[in-house]
Amino acid sequence: MDTPAFEQLRAVIRSRHTTKALAMNGREIPDAQISQLLELADWAPTHGHTEPWRFYIYAGKNLKQFGEAHAAMYWAQTEEENRAQAKYDKLVQSARQASHLIITVLKRDPRGKIPETEELSAVSAAIQNMLLGATALGIASFWSTGGMTYHPAMKAHLSLEENDRIVGLLYLGYSDEPDKKRSRKIPLAEKTVWPNMPGRS
């Protein structure tokens, strides 16, 4: 039998959806709620207790400045024939529409005792915790890997070490758009295998 806690969790998970930063309305999220989301992130599963997640939080004037720096980085690091003014403008405007940006980084254990793929899974779980917490608080979210997220110039901008890895740019804010109806394209039965096991029929 489902418990009330399970029902609440299921409702949050099923209602979580992506809201692009350009669809956010610029209204500010209280910093206290951002702290709550970071606390949830900090309780993600972590092999070897390495806790490999690191967070860079931008808001207000700092966020707008980051958006401009991000756009300038894109322009400088992209061949002239591949540049798009629309993409430049999108990077600037996204930082103006969102309330907060949390850049989430994988900080490798210097001993390297945990495989990177497991550390990446831990950081991704931390991001998912924030996404679900944001949904529960009525906050719109966008886990972005676009722009210069994976470019060495972004690592340099954040003064990251060689083995550090940016996992995503999490834009947070409020939106006036109506909630989206969510669906899965592939039936769960087609993604699920229960191998035959002795003693099971």
C-alpha atoms as a PDB file:
ATOM      1  CA  MET A   1       0.000   0.000   0.000  1.00  0.00           C
ATOM      2  CA  ASP A   2       1.305   3.435  -0.923  1.00  0.00           C
ATOM      3  CA  THR A   3       2.110   5.765   1.957  1.00  0.00           C
ATOM      4  CA  PRO A   4       1.329   9.511   1.970  1.00  0.00           C
ATOM      5  CA  ALA A   5       5.063  10.216   1.782  1.00  0.00           C
ATOM      6  CA  PHE A   6       5.384   8.026  -1.319  1.00  0.00           C
ATOM      7  CA  GLU A   7       2.396   9.701  -2.955  1.00  0.00           C
ATOM      8  CA  GLN A   8       3.887  13.138  -2.311  1.00  0.00           C
ATOM      9  CA  LEU A   9       7.249  12.080  -3.700  1.00  0.00           C
ATOM     10  CA  ARG A  10       5.659  10.531  -6.775  1.00  0.00           C
ATOM     11  CA  ALA A  11       3.681  13.705  -7.435  1.00  0.00           C
ATOM     12  CA  VAL A  12       6.832  15.811  -7.277  1.00  0.00           C
ATOM     13  CA  ILE A  13       8.804  13.474  -9.542  1.00  0.00           C
ATOM     14  CA  ARG A  14       6.032  13.263 -12.134  1.00  0.00           C
ATOM     15  CA  SER A  15       5.434  17.012 -12.168  1.00  0.00           C
ATOM     16  CA  ARG A  16       9.102  17.978 -12.575  1.00  0.00           C
ATOM     17  CA  HIS A  17       9.806  19.388 -16.024  1.00  0.00           C
ATOM     18  CA  THR A  18      12.273  21.624 -17.793  1.00  0.00           C
ATOM     19  CA  THR A  19      11.544  25.328 -18.140  1.00  0.00           C
ATOM     20  CA  LYS A  20      14.037  27.102 -20.374  1.00  0.00           C
ATOM     21  CA  ALA A  21      15.685  30.136 -18.777  1.00  0.00           C
ATOM     22  CA  LEU A  22      14.195  32.419 -21.441  1.00  0.00           C
ATOM     23  CA  ALA A  23      10.730  31.421 -20.177  1.00  0.00           C
ATOM     24  CA  MET A  24      11.538  32.618 -16.648  1.00  0.00           C
ATOM     25  CA  ASN A  25      10.200  36.005 -15.575  1.00  0.00           C
ATOM     26  CA  GLY A  26      13.105  37.462 -13.602  1.00  0.00           C
ATOM     27  CA  ARG A  27      11.407  37.288 -10.194  1.00  0.00           C
ATOM     28  CA  GLU A  28      13.912  36.553  -7.447  1.00  0.00           C
ATOM     29  CA  ILE A  29      14.006  33.374  -5.408  1.00  0.00           C
ATOM     30  CA  PRO A  30      14.828  33.900  -1.709  1.00  0.00           C
ATOM     31  CA  ASP A  31      18.426  32.895  -1.044  1.00  0.00           C
ATOM     32  CA  ALA A  32      17.164  30.802   1.879  1.00  0.00           C
ATOM     33  CA  GLN A  33      15.365  28.514  -0.571  1.00  0.00           C
ATOM     34  CA  ILE A  34      18.508  28.177  -2.680  1.00  0.00           C
ATOM     35  CA  SER A  35      20.287  27.079   0.499  1.00  0.00           C
ATOM     36  CA  GLN A  36      17.576  24.478   1.042  1.00  0.00           C
ATOM     37  CA  LEU A  37      18.156  23.089  -2.442  1.00  0.00           C
ATOM     38  CA  LEU A  38      21.899  22.919  -1.881  1.00  0.00           C
ATOM     39  CA  GLU A  39      21.295  21.027   1.345  1.00  0.00           C
ATOM     40  CA  LEU A  40      19.213  18.476  -0.556  1.00  0.00           C
ATOM     41  CA  ALA A  41      22.001  18.150  -3.117  1.00  0.00           C
ATOM     42  CA  ASP A  42      24.479  17.458  -0.360  1.00  0.00           C
ATOM     43  CA  TRP A  43      22.531  14.323   0.619  1.00  0.00           C
ATOM     44  CA  ALA A  44      23.019  12.593  -2.726  1.00  0.00           C
ATOM     45  CA  PRO A  45      24.523   9.081  -2.693  1.00  0.00           C
ATOM     46  CA  THR A  46      28.320   9.088  -2.842  1.00  0.00           C
ATOM     47  CA  HIS A  47      30.632   6.093  -3.098  1.00  0.00           C
ATOM     48  CA  GLY A  48      33.513   6.233  -0.667  1.00  0.00           C
ATOM     49  CA  HIS A  49      31.989   9.357   0.883  1.00  0.00           C
ATOM     50  CA  THR A  50      33.985  11.516  -1.541  1.00  0.00           C
ATOM     51  CA  GLU A  51      31.066  13.992  -1.913  1.00  0.00           C
ATOM     52  CA  PRO A  52      32.435  15.122  -5.301  1.00  0.00           C
ATOM     53  CA  TRP A  53      29.944  17.922  -5.993  1.00  0.00           C
ATOM     54  CA  ARG A  54      30.913  21.594  -5.896  1.00  0.00           C
ATOM     55  CA  PHE A  55      28.560  24.510  -6.519  1.00  0.00           C
ATOM     56  CA  TYR A  56      29.165  27.977  -7.945  1.00  0.00           C
ATOM     57  CA  ILE A  57      26.131  30.180  -7.295  1.00  0.00           C
ATOM     58  CA  TYR A  58      25.361  33.335  -9.243  1.00  0.00           C
ATOM     59  CA  ALA A  59      22.509  35.758  -8.559  1.00  0.00           C
ATOM     60  CA  GLY A  60      21.601  39.387  -9.159  1.00  0.00           C
ATOM     61  CA  LYS A  61      24.347  41.508 -10.666  1.00  0.00           C
ATOM     62  CA  ASN A  62      26.827  38.634 -10.560  1.00  0.00           C
ATOM     63  CA  LEU A  63      24.509  36.463 -12.651  1.00  0.00           C
ATOM     64  CA  LYS A  64      24.055  39.167 -15.282  1.00  0.00           C
ATOM     65  CA  GLN A  65      27.809  39.648 -15.451  1.00  0.00           C
ATOM     66  CA  PHE A  66      28.280  35.904 -15.842  1.00  0.00           C
ATOM     67  CA  GLY A  67      25.799  35.862 -18.723  1.00  0.00           C
ATOM     68  CA  GLU A  68      27.746  38.578 -20.502  1.00  0.00           C
ATOM     69  CA  ALA A  69      31.029  36.776 -19.850  1.00  0.00           C
ATOM     70  CA  HIS A  70      29.522  33.508 -21.085  1.00  0.00           C
ATOM     71  CA  ALA A  71      28.356  35.148 -24.310  1.00  0.00           C
ATOM     72  CA  ALA A  72      31.724  36.832 -24.839  1.00  0.00           C
ATOM     73  CA  MET A  73      33.443  33.494 -24.244  1.00  0.00           C
ATOM     74  CA  TYR A  74      31.250  31.851 -26.875  1.00  0.00           C
ATOM     75  CA  TRP A  75      31.987  34.611 -29.383  1.00  0.00           C
ATOM     76  CA  ALA A  76      35.735  34.522 -28.796  1.00  0.00           C
ATOM     77  CA  GLN A  77      36.013  30.720 -28.935  1.00  0.00           C
ATOM     78  CA  THR A  78      33.808  30.131 -31.992  1.00  0.00           C
ATOM     79  CA  GLU A  79      34.997  30.384 -35.571  1.00  0.00           C
ATOM     80  CA  GLU A  80      33.545  33.432 -37.279  1.00  0.00           C
ATOM     81  CA  GLU A  81      31.602  31.382 -39.834  1.00  0.00           C
ATOM     82  CA  ASN A  82      29.943  29.403 -37.015  1.00  0.00           C
ATOM     83  CA  ARG A  83      28.982  32.294 -34.759  1.00  0.00           C
ATOM     84  CA  ALA A  84      25.308  33.123 -34.322  1.00  0.00           C
ATOM     85  CA  GLN A  85      24.112  36.415 -32.900  1.00  0.00           C
ATOM     86  CA  ALA A  86      20.948  34.681 -31.699  1.00  0.00           C
ATOM     87  CA  LYS A  87      22.995  32.271 -29.574  1.00  0.00           C
ATOM     88  CA  TYR A  88      25.073  35.127 -28.152  1.00  0.00           C
ATOM     89  CA  ASP A  89      21.885  36.999 -27.234  1.00  0.00           C
ATOM     90  CA  LYS A  90      20.352  33.852 -25.714  1.00  0.00           C
ATOM     91  CA  LEU A  91      23.282  33.398 -23.335  1.00  0.00           C
ATOM     92  CA  VAL A  92      23.001  37.016 -22.196  1.00  0.00           C
ATOM     93  CA  GLN A  93      19.223  36.976 -21.846  1.00  0.00           C
ATOM     94  CA  SER A  94      19.066  33.630 -20.028  1.00  0.00           C
ATOM     95  CA  ALA A  95      21.134  35.114 -17.228  1.00  0.00           C
ATOM     96  CA  ARG A  96      18.795  38.095 -17.056  1.00  0.00           C
ATOM     97  CA  GLN A  97      15.597  36.050 -16.933  1.00  0.00           C
ATOM     98  CA  ALA A  98      16.713  33.531 -14.309  1.00  0.00           C
ATOM     99  CA  SER A  99      16.910  34.326 -10.613  1.00  0.00           C
ATOM    100  CA  HIS A 100      19.878  32.087  -9.793  1.00  0.00           C
ATOM    101  CA  LEU A 101      22.391  29.963 -11.622  1.00  0.00           C
ATOM    102  CA  ILE A 102      24.110  27.028  -9.941  1.00  0.00           C
ATOM    103  CA  ILE A 103      27.090  25.703 -11.869  1.00  0.00           C
ATOM    104  CA  THR A 104      27.639  22.178 -10.639  1.00  0.00           C
ATOM    105  CA  VAL A 105      31.142  20.738 -10.848  1.00  0.00           C
ATOM    106  CA  LEU A 106      32.576  17.271 -10.359  1.00  0.00           C
ATOM    107  CA  LYS A 107      35.610  17.628  -8.103  1.00  0.00           C
ATOM    108  CA  ARG A 108      37.714  14.519  -8.560  1.00  0.00           C
ATOM    109  CA  ASP A 109      39.092  12.743  -5.545  1.00  0.00           C
ATOM    110  CA  PRO A 110      42.874  13.343  -5.879  1.00  0.00           C
ATOM    111  CA  ARG A 111      43.480   9.728  -4.858  1.00  0.00           C
ATOM    112  CA  GLY A 112      41.324   8.553  -7.752  1.00  0.00           C
ATOM    113  CA  LYS A 113      39.975   5.629  -5.713  1.00  0.00           C
ATOM    114  CA  ILE A 114      36.467   5.998  -7.118  1.00  0.00           C
ATOM    115  CA  PRO A 115      35.925   5.596 -10.899  1.00  0.00           C
ATOM    116  CA  GLU A 116      34.980   8.840 -12.604  1.00  0.00           C
ATOM    117  CA  THR A 117      31.737   7.375 -13.907  1.00  0.00           C
ATOM    118  CA  GLU A 118      30.613   6.747 -10.322  1.00  0.00           C
ATOM    119  CA  GLU A 119      31.600  10.252  -9.269  1.00  0.00           C
ATOM    120  CA  LEU A 120      29.654  11.645 -12.233  1.00  0.00           C
ATOM    121  CA  SER A 121      26.623   9.611 -11.165  1.00  0.00           C
ATOM    122  CA  ALA A 122      26.876  11.066  -7.665  1.00  0.00           C
ATOM    123  CA  VAL A 123      26.982  14.645  -8.971  1.00  0.00           C
ATOM    124  CA  SER A 124      24.057  13.946 -11.306  1.00  0.00           C
ATOM    125  CA  ALA A 125      22.091  12.610  -8.337  1.00  0.00           C
ATOM    126  CA  ALA A 126      22.882  15.829  -6.462  1.00  0.00           C
ATOM    127  CA  ILE A 127      21.491  17.839  -9.364  1.00  0.00           C
ATOM    128  CA  GLN A 128      18.360  15.680  -9.460  1.00  0.00           C
ATOM    129  CA  ASN A 129      17.842  16.329  -5.757  1.00  0.00           C
ATOM    130  CA  MET A 130      17.903  20.071  -6.489  1.00  0.00           C
ATOM    131  CA  LEU A 131      15.529  19.702  -9.434  1.00  0.00           C
ATOM    132  CA  LEU A 132      12.991  17.814  -7.328  1.00  0.00           C
ATOM    133  CA  GLY A 133      13.365  20.248  -4.440  1.00  0.00           C
ATOM    134  CA  ALA A 134      12.807  23.147  -6.812  1.00  0.00           C
ATOM    135  CA  THR A 135       9.634  21.528  -8.147  1.00  0.00           C
ATOM    136  CA  ALA A 136       8.339  21.032  -4.604  1.00  0.00           C
ATOM    137  CA  LEU A 137       8.939  24.742  -3.923  1.00  0.00           C
ATOM    138  CA  GLY A 138       7.234  25.894  -7.117  1.00  0.00           C
ATOM    139  CA  ILE A 139      10.535  26.956  -8.707  1.00  0.00           C
ATOM    140  CA  ALA A 140      11.170  26.500 -12.422  1.00  0.00           C
ATOM    141  CA  SER A 141      14.424  24.816 -13.403  1.00  0.00           C
ATOM    142  CA  PHE A 142      16.606  24.181 -16.443  1.00  0.00           C
ATOM    143  CA  TRP A 143      19.586  21.813 -16.370  1.00  0.00           C
ATOM    144  CA  SER A 144      21.642  23.190 -19.246  1.00  0.00           C
ATOM    145  CA  THR A 145      24.724  21.721 -20.877  1.00  0.00           C
ATOM    146  CA  GLY A 146      24.723  24.210 -23.733  1.00  0.00           C
ATOM    147  CA  GLY A 147      26.842  27.212 -24.527  1.00  0.00           C
ATOM    148  CA  MET A 148      30.398  26.807 -23.276  1.00  0.00           C
ATOM    149  CA  THR A 149      29.563  24.337 -20.493  1.00  0.00           C
ATOM    150  CA  TYR A 150      32.104  21.749 -21.627  1.00  0.00           C
ATOM    151  CA  HIS A 151      34.651  24.107 -23.171  1.00  0.00           C
ATOM    152  CA  PRO A 152      38.091  24.525 -21.550  1.00  0.00           C
ATOM    153  CA  ALA A 153      37.467  28.281 -21.494  1.00  0.00           C
ATOM    154  CA  MET A 154      34.651  27.776 -18.987  1.00  0.00           C
ATOM    155  CA  LYS A 155      36.906  25.692 -16.761  1.00  0.00           C
ATOM    156  CA  ALA A 156      39.484  28.466 -16.908  1.00  0.00           C
ATOM    157  CA  HIS A 157      36.827  31.067 -16.108  1.00  0.00           C
ATOM    158  CA  LEU A 158      35.968  29.154 -12.926  1.00  0.00           C
ATOM    159  CA  SER A 159      39.640  28.455 -12.122  1.00  0.00           C
ATOM    160  CA  LEU A 160      38.989  24.715 -12.084  1.00  0.00           C
ATOM    161  CA  GLU A 161      41.704  22.100 -11.940  1.00  0.00           C
ATOM    162  CA  GLU A 162      42.539  19.839 -14.870  1.00  0.00           C
ATOM    163  CA  ASN A 163      40.584  16.822 -13.615  1.00  0.00           C
ATOM    164  CA  ASP A 164      37.524  18.821 -12.559  1.00  0.00           C
ATOM    165  CA  ARG A 165      34.468  18.525 -14.775  1.00  0.00           C
ATOM    166  CA  ILE A 166      31.486  20.815 -15.220  1.00  0.00           C
ATOM    167  CA  VAL A 167      28.336  18.687 -15.142  1.00  0.00           C
ATOM    168  CA  GLY A 168      25.727  21.332 -15.800  1.00  0.00           C
ATOM    169  CA  LEU A 169      24.442  24.866 -15.484  1.00  0.00           C
ATOM    170  CA  LEU A 170      21.269  24.846 -13.403  1.00  0.00           C
ATOM    171  CA  TYR A 171      19.119  27.915 -14.087  1.00  0.00           C
ATOM    172  CA  LEU A 172      16.442  28.566 -11.451  1.00  0.00           C
ATOM    173  CA  GLY A 173      13.608  31.060 -11.423  1.00  0.00           C
ATOM    174  CA  TYR A 174       9.885  31.528 -11.728  1.00  0.00           C
ATOM    175  CA  SER A 175       7.784  31.266 -14.859  1.00  0.00           C
ATOM    176  CA  ASP A 176       4.351  32.464 -15.927  1.00  0.00           C
ATOM    177  CA  GLU A 177       3.983  29.569 -18.349  1.00  0.00           C
ATOM    178  CA  PRO A 178       1.316  26.960 -17.526  1.00  0.00           C
ATOM    179  CA  ASP A 179       2.500  23.589 -16.270  1.00  0.00           C
ATOM    180  CA  LYS A 180       3.361  21.173 -19.028  1.00  0.00           C
ATOM    181  CA  LYS A 181       1.711  17.795 -19.412  1.00  0.00           C
ATOM    182  CA  ARG A 182       4.475  15.215 -19.140  1.00  0.00           C
ATOM    183  CA  SER A 183       4.671  11.871 -20.880  1.00  0.00           C
ATOM    184  CA  ARG A 184       7.119   9.083 -21.667  1.00  0.00           C
ATOM    185  CA  LYS A 185       7.637   8.070 -25.301  1.00  0.00           C
ATOM    186  CA  ILE A 186       8.703   4.487 -24.621  1.00  0.00           C
ATOM    187  CA  PRO A 187       6.414   2.287 -22.516  1.00  0.00           C
ATOM    188  CA  LEU A 188       8.005   1.200 -19.250  1.00  0.00           C
ATOM    189  CA  ALA A 189       7.434  -2.458 -20.129  1.00  0.00           C
ATOM    190  CA  GLU A 190       9.788  -2.074 -23.103  1.00  0.00           C
ATOM    191  CA  LYS A 191      12.533  -0.728 -20.822  1.00  0.00           C
ATOM    192  CA  THR A 192      12.195  -3.331 -18.092  1.00  0.00           C
ATOM    193  CA  VAL A 193      13.676  -6.827 -17.880  1.00  0.00           C
ATOM    194  CA  TRP A 194      13.008  -9.330 -15.097  1.00  0.00           C
ATOM    195  CA  PRO A 195      15.418 -12.204 -15.861  1.00  0.00           C
ATOM    196  CA  ASN A 196      14.195 -15.679 -15.053  1.00  0.00           C
ATOM    197  CA  MET A 197      15.497 -16.660 -11.643  1.00  0.00           C
ATOM    198  CA  PRO A 198      15.437 -20.039  -9.851  1.00  0.00           C
ATOM    199  CA  GLY A 199      12.453 -20.243  -7.560  1.00  0.00           C
ATOM    200  CA  ARG A 200      10.462 -17.550  -9.381  1.00  0.00           C
ATOM    201  CA  SER A 201       7.615 -18.287 -11.710  1.00  0.00           C
END
